Amino acid sequence: MKVGTDGVLLGAWVSLNHYPETILDIGAGTGMISLMLAQRSEAMTIDAVELDALAHEQCVENFEMSDWGDRLFCYNASFEEFADEMTEEEEQYDLIVSNPPFYSDDFESKDSSRNKARFTSSLSFESLIIGASKLLSETGAFSVIIPFKEEQSFVEMANQQKMHLQKVCHVKGNTTSAIKRSMLTFSFKQQEVITEELTIEISRHQYTKEYINLTKEFYLRM
């Protein structure tokens, strides 16, 4: 699986100001977001859960080859199964992150691995939110990146699980394009929402200062 801009954005943007000791990456793919958070934080436990067997295998390999392998672990399971098991064991996380699948079933391809990574049939937003609400610690944060058009319904579903929007960043591809993505952070406490906007490029492969400052620690060349 290729490294996607969505994952890079979320891994770089998510706040660690509450110094999480335990982190969960839902739908980890090859483990990039988990690795970015390991680089950025001192969290002692960074768990990842990935349904696809091949992606899980690559994730484990990437974890083992990294400088933070002793803090990283990837489970091969559906998130629903993982959430049920961890809830029974009363495990909770101070930070939960996810770059979830979001394309509708109408556009599924013949590649089952790609479908699992990109389509809501493998993990609905509702299942993601319900599971995250069960596993999030009382003072924890839950951050996702989703299509902008899904933002309102996602926030409403989160509110139903007593999770409130804390921070939002609207992402545009360039200065003239429409908002494409929403990065959202939720917690169990209510507060005034912090709203940001980020533009990735000025022109093709010419990145804005804001995008460079956000992601430069994770690119060999920028």
C-alpha atoms as a PDB file:
ATOM      1  CA  MET A   1       0.000   0.000   0.000  1.00  0.00           C
ATOM      2  CA  LYS A   2       1.294   3.437  -0.924  1.00  0.00           C
ATOM      3  CA  VAL A   3       1.939   6.148   1.644  1.00  0.00           C
ATOM      4  CA  GLY A   4      -1.029   8.500   1.370  1.00  0.00           C
ATOM      5  CA  THR A   5      -1.228  12.202   2.083  1.00  0.00           C
ATOM      6  CA  ASP A   6      -4.207  11.665   4.420  1.00  0.00           C
ATOM      7  CA  GLY A   7      -2.158   9.490   6.755  1.00  0.00           C
ATOM      8  CA  VAL A   8       0.798  11.881   6.733  1.00  0.00           C
ATOM      9  CA  LEU A   9      -1.516  14.791   7.517  1.00  0.00           C
ATOM     10  CA  LEU A  10      -3.206  13.070  10.447  1.00  0.00           C
ATOM     11  CA  GLY A  11       0.007  11.668  11.901  1.00  0.00           C
ATOM     12  CA  ALA A  12       1.608  15.117  11.850  1.00  0.00           C
ATOM     13  CA  TRP A  13      -1.460  17.151  12.896  1.00  0.00           C
ATOM     14  CA  VAL A  14      -2.897  15.207  15.817  1.00  0.00           C
ATOM     15  CA  SER A  15      -2.186  16.932  19.130  1.00  0.00           C
ATOM     16  CA  LEU A  16      -0.014  15.268  21.771  1.00  0.00           C
ATOM     17  CA  ASN A  17      -0.311  18.142  24.237  1.00  0.00           C
ATOM     18  CA  HIS A  18      -2.032  15.890  26.771  1.00  0.00           C
ATOM     19  CA  TYR A  19       1.021  13.574  26.775  1.00  0.00           C
ATOM     20  CA  PRO A  20      -0.728  10.272  26.046  1.00  0.00           C
ATOM     21  CA  GLU A  21       0.820   7.185  27.580  1.00  0.00           C
ATOM     22  CA  THR A  22      -1.276   4.796  25.493  1.00  0.00           C
ATOM     23  CA  ILE A  23      -2.176   5.227  21.804  1.00  0.00           C
ATOM     24  CA  LEU A  24      -4.370   3.197  19.444  1.00  0.00           C
ATOM     25  CA  ASP A  25      -4.258   3.373  15.627  1.00  0.00           C
ATOM     26  CA  ILE A  26      -7.437   1.925  14.071  1.00  0.00           C
ATOM     27  CA  GLY A  27      -7.071   0.512  10.551  1.00  0.00           C
ATOM     28  CA  ALA A  28      -3.309   0.908  10.682  1.00  0.00           C
ATOM     29  CA  GLY A  29      -2.498  -0.298   7.173  1.00  0.00           C
ATOM     30  CA  THR A  30       1.295  -0.435   6.995  1.00  0.00           C
ATOM     31  CA  GLY A  31       1.648   1.340  10.340  1.00  0.00           C
ATOM     32  CA  MET A  32       2.730   4.769   9.141  1.00  0.00           C
ATOM     33  CA  ILE A  33       0.602   6.837  11.545  1.00  0.00           C
ATOM     34  CA  SER A  34       1.683   4.667  14.496  1.00  0.00           C
ATOM     35  CA  LEU A  35       5.326   5.156  13.513  1.00  0.00           C
ATOM     36  CA  MET A  36       4.856   8.920  13.205  1.00  0.00           C
ATOM     37  CA  LEU A  37       3.291   9.076  16.664  1.00  0.00           C
ATOM     38  CA  ALA A  38       6.109   6.936  18.078  1.00  0.00           C
ATOM     39  CA  GLN A  39       8.568   9.448  16.620  1.00  0.00           C
ATOM     40  CA  ARG A  40       6.627  12.399  18.034  1.00  0.00           C
ATOM     41  CA  SER A  41       5.796  11.091  21.513  1.00  0.00           C
ATOM     42  CA  GLU A  42       7.078   9.250  24.569  1.00  0.00           C
ATOM     43  CA  ALA A  43       3.995   7.003  24.747  1.00  0.00           C
ATOM     44  CA  MET A  44       4.970   3.637  26.204  1.00  0.00           C
ATOM     45  CA  THR A  45       2.226   1.684  24.430  1.00  0.00           C
ATOM     46  CA  ILE A  46       1.239   2.223  20.807  1.00  0.00           C
ATOM     47  CA  ASP A  47      -1.192  -0.432  19.610  1.00  0.00           C
ATOM     48  CA  ALA A  48      -2.450  -0.805  16.065  1.00  0.00           C
ATOM     49  CA  VAL A  49      -5.273  -2.929  14.698  1.00  0.00           C
ATOM     50  CA  GLU A  50      -5.452  -4.015  11.062  1.00  0.00           C
ATOM     51  CA  LEU A  51      -7.937  -6.401   9.452  1.00  0.00           C
ATOM     52  CA  ASP A  52      -6.126  -7.273   6.207  1.00  0.00           C
ATOM     53  CA  ALA A  53      -3.561 -10.052   6.695  1.00  0.00           C
ATOM     54  CA  LEU A  54      -1.043  -8.762   4.147  1.00  0.00           C
ATOM     55  CA  ALA A  55      -1.179  -5.196   5.477  1.00  0.00           C
ATOM     56  CA  HIS A  56      -0.830  -6.563   9.027  1.00  0.00           C
ATOM     57  CA  GLU A  57       2.250  -8.530   8.000  1.00  0.00           C
ATOM     58  CA  GLN A  58       3.855  -5.441   6.493  1.00  0.00           C
ATOM     59  CA  CYS A  59       2.873  -3.345   9.520  1.00  0.00           C
ATOM     60  CA  VAL A  60       4.566  -5.796  11.887  1.00  0.00           C
ATOM     61  CA  GLU A  61       7.693  -5.804   9.722  1.00  0.00           C
ATOM     62  CA  ASN A  62       7.785  -1.998   9.656  1.00  0.00           C
ATOM     63  CA  PHE A  63       7.371  -1.853  13.424  1.00  0.00           C
ATOM     64  CA  GLU A  64      10.176  -4.351  14.001  1.00  0.00           C
ATOM     65  CA  MET A  65      12.544  -2.477  11.680  1.00  0.00           C
ATOM     66  CA  SER A  66      11.895   0.885  13.355  1.00  0.00           C
ATOM     67  CA  ASP A  67      13.708   2.489  16.292  1.00  0.00           C
ATOM     68  CA  TRP A  68      10.534   2.194  18.387  1.00  0.00           C
ATOM     69  CA  GLY A  69       9.705  -1.494  17.963  1.00  0.00           C
ATOM     70  CA  ASP A  70       9.546  -2.098  21.708  1.00  0.00           C
ATOM     71  CA  ARG A  71       6.612   0.339  21.991  1.00  0.00           C
ATOM     72  CA  LEU A  72       4.640  -0.800  18.927  1.00  0.00           C
ATOM     73  CA  PHE A  73       2.305  -3.780  18.479  1.00  0.00           C
ATOM     74  CA  CYS A  74      -0.165  -4.604  15.707  1.00  0.00           C
ATOM     75  CA  TYR A  75      -3.214  -6.855  16.121  1.00  0.00           C
ATOM     76  CA  ASN A  76      -4.662  -8.734  13.131  1.00  0.00           C
ATOM     77  CA  ALA A  77      -8.408  -8.416  13.771  1.00  0.00           C
ATOM     78  CA  SER A  78     -11.497  -6.447  12.872  1.00  0.00           C
ATOM     79  CA  PHE A  79     -11.908  -3.323  14.959  1.00  0.00           C
ATOM     80  CA  GLU A  80     -15.253  -4.565  16.272  1.00  0.00           C
ATOM     81  CA  GLU A  81     -13.624  -7.760  17.592  1.00  0.00           C
ATOM     82  CA  PHE A  82     -10.705  -5.803  19.018  1.00  0.00           C
ATOM     83  CA  ALA A  83     -12.968  -3.254  20.725  1.00  0.00           C
ATOM     84  CA  ASP A  84     -15.119  -5.978  22.310  1.00  0.00           C
ATOM     85  CA  GLU A  85     -12.076  -7.813  23.662  1.00  0.00           C
ATOM     86  CA  MET A  86     -10.381  -4.697  25.018  1.00  0.00           C
ATOM     87  CA  THR A  87     -13.634  -3.486  26.594  1.00  0.00           C
ATOM     88  CA  GLU A  88     -13.967  -6.800  28.435  1.00  0.00           C
ATOM     89  CA  GLU A  89     -10.387  -6.393  29.663  1.00  0.00           C
ATOM     90  CA  GLU A  90     -11.157  -2.754  30.629  1.00  0.00           C
ATOM     91  CA  GLU A  91      -8.296  -1.465  28.497  1.00  0.00           C
ATOM     92  CA  GLN A  92      -8.415   2.214  27.521  1.00  0.00           C
ATOM     93  CA  TYR A  93      -6.304   4.592  25.444  1.00  0.00           C
ATOM     94  CA  ASP A  94      -5.326   8.218  25.983  1.00  0.00           C
ATOM     95  CA  LEU A  95      -5.238   8.847  22.229  1.00  0.00           C
ATOM     96  CA  ILE A  96      -7.114   7.048  19.467  1.00  0.00           C
ATOM     97  CA  VAL A  97      -6.417   7.875  15.819  1.00  0.00           C
ATOM     98  CA  SER A  98      -7.864   6.599  12.567  1.00  0.00           C
ATOM     99  CA  ASN A  99      -7.576   7.226   8.850  1.00  0.00           C
ATOM    100  CA  PRO A 100     -10.720   5.199   8.160  1.00  0.00           C
ATOM    101  CA  PRO A 101     -12.118   3.767   4.918  1.00  0.00           C
ATOM    102  CA  PHE A 102     -14.714   6.039   3.375  1.00  0.00           C
ATOM    103  CA  TYR A 103     -15.583   5.251  -0.243  1.00  0.00           C
ATOM    104  CA  SER A 104     -19.072   3.864  -0.767  1.00  0.00           C
ATOM    105  CA  ASP A 105     -19.747   0.269  -1.787  1.00  0.00           C
ATOM    106  CA  ASP A 106     -20.810   1.399  -5.266  1.00  0.00           C
ATOM    107  CA  PHE A 107     -17.194   1.984  -6.235  1.00  0.00           C
ATOM    108  CA  GLU A 108     -15.544  -1.153  -4.872  1.00  0.00           C
ATOM    109  CA  SER A 109     -12.769  -2.689  -6.973  1.00  0.00           C
ATOM    110  CA  LYS A 110     -11.827  -6.348  -7.526  1.00  0.00           C
ATOM    111  CA  ASP A 111      -8.865  -5.977  -5.143  1.00  0.00           C
ATOM    112  CA  SER A 112     -10.103  -7.141  -1.730  1.00  0.00           C
ATOM    113  CA  SER A 113      -7.146  -5.664   0.161  1.00  0.00           C
ATOM    114  CA  ARG A 114      -7.698  -2.251  -1.400  1.00  0.00           C
ATOM    115  CA  ASN A 115     -11.417  -2.504  -0.680  1.00  0.00           C
ATOM    116  CA  LYS A 116     -10.735  -3.163   3.000  1.00  0.00           C
ATOM    117  CA  ALA A 117      -8.439  -0.166   3.139  1.00  0.00           C
ATOM    118  CA  ARG A 118     -10.720   2.247   1.276  1.00  0.00           C
ATOM    119  CA  PHE A 119     -14.364   1.247   1.628  1.00  0.00           C
ATOM    120  CA  THR A 120     -16.847   1.651   4.452  1.00  0.00           C
ATOM    121  CA  SER A 121     -18.063  -1.944   4.117  1.00  0.00           C
ATOM    122  CA  SER A 122     -15.045  -3.078   6.186  1.00  0.00           C
ATOM    123  CA  LEU A 123     -15.593  -0.501   8.956  1.00  0.00           C
ATOM    124  CA  SER A 124     -18.525   1.882   9.097  1.00  0.00           C
ATOM    125  CA  PHE A 125     -18.163   5.298  10.672  1.00  0.00           C
ATOM    126  CA  GLU A 126     -20.783   4.300  13.234  1.00  0.00           C
ATOM    127  CA  SER A 127     -18.825   1.204  14.284  1.00  0.00           C
ATOM    128  CA  LEU A 128     -15.628   3.248  14.434  1.00  0.00           C
ATOM    129  CA  ILE A 129     -17.204   5.893  16.670  1.00  0.00           C
ATOM    130  CA  ILE A 130     -18.950   3.442  18.998  1.00  0.00           C
ATOM    131  CA  GLY A 131     -15.783   1.375  19.429  1.00  0.00           C
ATOM    132  CA  ALA A 132     -13.617   4.443  19.990  1.00  0.00           C
ATOM    133  CA  SER A 133     -16.012   5.778  22.638  1.00  0.00           C
ATOM    134  CA  LYS A 134     -15.686   2.501  24.561  1.00  0.00           C
ATOM    135  CA  LEU A 135     -11.880   2.492  24.464  1.00  0.00           C
ATOM    136  CA  LEU A 136     -11.155   6.194  24.994  1.00  0.00           C
ATOM    137  CA  SER A 137      -9.989   7.215  28.469  1.00  0.00           C
ATOM    138  CA  GLU A 138     -11.931   9.880  30.357  1.00  0.00           C
ATOM    139  CA  THR A 139      -9.391  12.591  29.497  1.00  0.00           C
ATOM    140  CA  GLY A 140      -8.359  11.127  26.129  1.00  0.00           C
ATOM    141  CA  ALA A 141      -8.689  12.394  22.551  1.00  0.00           C
ATOM    142  CA  PHE A 142     -10.014  10.743  19.384  1.00  0.00           C
ATOM    143  CA  SER A 143      -8.732  12.095  16.045  1.00  0.00           C
ATOM    144  CA  VAL A 144      -9.696  11.177  12.477  1.00  0.00           C
ATOM    145  CA  ILE A 145      -9.363  12.384   8.906  1.00  0.00           C
ATOM    146  CA  ILE A 146     -12.486  12.047   6.732  1.00  0.00           C
ATOM    147  CA  PRO A 147     -14.019  13.609   3.613  1.00  0.00           C
ATOM    148  CA  PHE A 148     -15.301  17.115   4.296  1.00  0.00           C
ATOM    149  CA  LYS A 149     -18.768  16.168   3.042  1.00  0.00           C
ATOM    150  CA  GLU A 150     -19.034  13.589   5.852  1.00  0.00           C
ATOM    151  CA  GLU A 151     -18.056  15.989   8.632  1.00  0.00           C
ATOM    152  CA  GLN A 152     -21.512  16.998   9.878  1.00  0.00           C
ATOM    153  CA  SER A 153     -22.902  13.470  10.076  1.00  0.00           C
ATOM    154  CA  PHE A 154     -19.688  12.204  11.717  1.00  0.00           C
ATOM    155  CA  VAL A 155     -19.866  14.919  14.392  1.00  0.00           C
ATOM    156  CA  GLU A 156     -23.529  14.119  15.037  1.00  0.00           C
ATOM    157  CA  MET A 157     -22.758  10.399  15.482  1.00  0.00           C
ATOM    158  CA  ALA A 158     -19.881  11.251  17.838  1.00  0.00           C
ATOM    159  CA  ASN A 159     -22.176  13.474  19.898  1.00  0.00           C
ATOM    160  CA  GLN A 160     -24.544  10.537  20.323  1.00  0.00           C
ATOM    161  CA  GLN A 161     -21.670   8.708  22.045  1.00  0.00           C
ATOM    162  CA  LYS A 162     -20.977  11.737  24.315  1.00  0.00           C
ATOM    163  CA  MET A 163     -17.863  12.724  22.354  1.00  0.00           C
ATOM    164  CA  HIS A 164     -17.608  16.427  21.548  1.00  0.00           C
ATOM    165  CA  LEU A 165     -15.676  18.165  18.792  1.00  0.00           C
ATOM    166  CA  GLN A 166     -12.610  19.978  20.140  1.00  0.00           C
ATOM    167  CA  LYS A 167     -10.636  20.890  17.051  1.00  0.00           C
ATOM    168  CA  VAL A 168     -11.145  20.821  13.277  1.00  0.00           C
ATOM    169  CA  CYS A 169      -8.792  21.453  10.374  1.00  0.00           C
ATOM    170  CA  HIS A 170     -10.200  21.839   6.862  1.00  0.00           C
ATOM    171  CA  VAL A 171      -7.767  20.718   4.171  1.00  0.00           C
ATOM    172  CA  LYS A 172      -7.610  22.064   0.611  1.00  0.00           C
ATOM    173  CA  GLY A 173      -5.452  20.680  -2.181  1.00  0.00           C
ATOM    174  CA  ASN A 174      -4.542  24.152  -3.449  1.00  0.00           C
ATOM    175  CA  THR A 175      -5.617  27.765  -3.034  1.00  0.00           C
ATOM    176  CA  THR A 176      -8.424  27.553  -5.598  1.00  0.00           C
ATOM    177  CA  SER A 177      -9.807  24.097  -4.786  1.00  0.00           C
ATOM    178  CA  ALA A 178     -12.708  23.236  -2.513  1.00  0.00           C
ATOM    179  CA  ILE A 179     -12.184  21.809   0.967  1.00  0.00           C
ATOM    180  CA  LYS A 180     -11.430  18.101   0.494  1.00  0.00           C
ATOM    181  CA  ARG A 181     -10.751  16.671   3.964  1.00  0.00           C
ATOM    182  CA  SER A 182     -11.657  17.343   7.575  1.00  0.00           C
ATOM    183  CA  MET A 183      -9.318  16.446  10.421  1.00  0.00           C
ATOM    184  CA  LEU A 184     -11.343  16.224  13.617  1.00  0.00           C
ATOM    185  CA  THR A 185     -10.473  15.766  17.284  1.00  0.00           C
ATOM    186  CA  PHE A 186     -13.051  14.735  19.884  1.00  0.00           C
ATOM    187  CA  SER A 187     -13.069  14.261  23.642  1.00  0.00           C
ATOM    188  CA  PHE A 188     -15.638  13.694  26.381  1.00  0.00           C
ATOM    189  CA  LYS A 189     -15.533  17.296  27.555  1.00  0.00           C
ATOM    190  CA  GLN A 190     -17.226  20.241  25.890  1.00  0.00           C
ATOM    191  CA  GLN A 191     -15.290  23.358  24.950  1.00  0.00           C
ATOM    192  CA  GLU A 192     -15.142  26.025  22.267  1.00  0.00           C
ATOM    193  CA  VAL A 193     -14.124  24.418  18.981  1.00  0.00           C
ATOM    194  CA  ILE A 194     -10.770  25.431  17.487  1.00  0.00           C
ATOM    195  CA  THR A 195     -11.055  25.750  13.680  1.00  0.00           C
ATOM    196  CA  GLU A 196      -8.104  25.779  11.275  1.00  0.00           C
ATOM    197  CA  GLU A 197      -7.580  25.605   7.519  1.00  0.00           C
ATOM    198  CA  LEU A 198      -4.612  24.063   5.706  1.00  0.00           C
ATOM    199  CA  THR A 199      -3.718  24.314   2.011  1.00  0.00           C
ATOM    200  CA  ILE A 200      -1.253  21.687   0.761  1.00  0.00           C
ATOM    201  CA  GLU A 201       0.084  23.126  -2.513  1.00  0.00           C
ATOM    202  CA  ILE A 202       0.549  26.510  -4.159  1.00  0.00           C
ATOM    203  CA  SER A 203       1.001  24.692  -7.478  1.00  0.00           C
ATOM    204  CA  ARG A 204       1.833  21.111  -8.449  1.00  0.00           C
ATOM    205  CA  HIS A 205       4.612  19.855  -6.099  1.00  0.00           C
ATOM    206  CA  GLN A 206       5.134  23.373  -4.739  1.00  0.00           C
ATOM    207  CA  TYR A 207       4.032  23.075  -1.152  1.00  0.00           C
ATOM    208  CA  THR A 208       2.793  25.819   1.153  1.00  0.00           C
ATOM    209  CA  LYS A 209       4.876  26.892   4.138  1.00  0.00           C
ATOM    210  CA  GLU A 210       2.138  25.622   6.456  1.00  0.00           C
ATOM    211  CA  TYR A 211       2.229  22.118   4.952  1.00  0.00           C
ATOM    212  CA  ILE A 212       6.034  22.047   4.977  1.00  0.00           C
ATOM    213  CA  ASN A 213       6.170  23.134   8.625  1.00  0.00           C
ATOM    214  CA  LEU A 214       3.602  20.505   9.585  1.00  0.00           C
ATOM    215  CA  THR A 215       5.193  17.527   7.804  1.00  0.00           C
ATOM    216  CA  LYS A 216       8.901  18.285   7.278  1.00  0.00           C
ATOM    217  CA  GLU A 217      10.019  15.965  10.086  1.00  0.00           C
ATOM    218  CA  PHE A 218       8.674  12.993   8.138  1.00  0.00           C
ATOM    219  CA  TYR A 219      10.013  13.547   4.602  1.00  0.00           C
ATOM    220  CA  LEU A 220      13.565  12.942   3.427  1.00  0.00           C
ATOM    221  CA  ARG A 221      13.071  15.722   0.883  1.00  0.00           C
ATOM    222  CA  MET A 222      10.591  18.571   1.119  1.00  0.00           C
END
